[in-house]
Amino acid sequence: MAQRVNVTISPHVFPRRRILFWVIILAAGWMLWSRFAEIDKLLQTLRQGQPGWILCAFVMQIIYQVIFAAVYWSAFDAVNVRSRLRDLIPLTFASIFVNSTVASGGAAGTVLFVDDARRRGESAPRATAGTVLVMAADYTAFAILLTTGLIVLIRGRDLTKLEGLSALVMYLLILGVFALLSAGLWTPGMLRRVLEAVQKAGVWVGHLLRRPSLFAADWAERSAADFTSAAVMMRQQPWRLLRTVLIALAAHLADLSSLYLLFWAFHQPVSLSTVIVLYAMTILFWIVSPTPNGIGVVETVMPVIYASVGLSLETGTIINLSFRGVTFWLPLLIGFFFIRRLRLLQNEISA
């Protein structure tokens, strides 16, 4: 039986973690203050809907987050990293909070999972490979829904240039992830050289922006190792990867159900195919947006897309704003309450 070893953080490290915590809190406070008008408008909009259906949409969103935590569990299991779903759920919400308040391209949330695995005595490189599998599974599952939505738009001749171009960027992103995984499996040396070239270009851009620390010195080497490890695990245990993709698809379907329930909440009849299109486009612009979690972009673009599928601009604005509140602000609020439970911010750690 493994023994529990009490590890005491150095007194010099603890203040830094307290500072990190307060930096995150201040960043969250700034975001809330700067988006106060949007939050106030959201609350006014939700008051117009039926409370029962809105509550169901909230519940379905929490179910979505729980299922997405299961995606991490499945991916970690595929790379032989032990984890428990009940421990990953708080991490999932906390990662949403961190990703929304720290400009890191989503990397900050990933670090939480890797750091938690390391503190439990698991392999950090394998945990990192697990997060790569999560990304691959999530993008694959979303690609299924995105393709379905594009087919509906093309058949109805409603596909706009903006939607087509954004979808193309998403497909290229997905292909890029799997190209890196394939290179990690078959030509790891070439992958490392490609990433080294990316790192050099990033360092050059960083110097222009007076931010020379955009990339760590060993970024290319570590990233190549992560993709190689993930690719090897995928080849050795493909059924576990398939399981992870199916769980990710179930998560997206739960998220889509939240959107469908909001149409009921505001007495707006809509077909399932239309909901798939609107959901796919919302998540698409959320992912390819240059702002964290699509803040500002989704709110601007999506009402126009709602109108393109036959809904009024007013309906598009109401439903889109409500869905944004359910999928962004609700998990963000829950993540705020979980953030202090992170081992990363605690004084003493038991491993």
Foldseek 3Di string as FASTA:
>chain_A
DDDKDWDFDDPVVQVVLVVVVVLLVVLVVVVCVVCVVLVVVLVVLLVLFDVVLLVVLLVLLLVLLLLLLVLLCLLLVLLPQDDDSVVSSLLSLLLLQNLQRDPDLSVVSLVLQLVVSVLVVHDSLSSLLSVLLSVLLLLVLLLVLLVLLVVVCVVVVLDDPVSVVLVVVSVVVNVVSVVLLVCLAPPLVVQLVVLVVVLVVVCVVCVVVVRNPSDDPCRSVSVSSSSNSNSVSCVVCVVSSVVSNVSSNVSLVSLLVSLVSVCVRNVHDDDPSLSSNLSSSLVSCLNPPPHRSNVPNSLPPQLVSCVSVPDHSVVRNSSSSNSCCSNRVSSNVSSVVSNCVRPSNDRMGMD
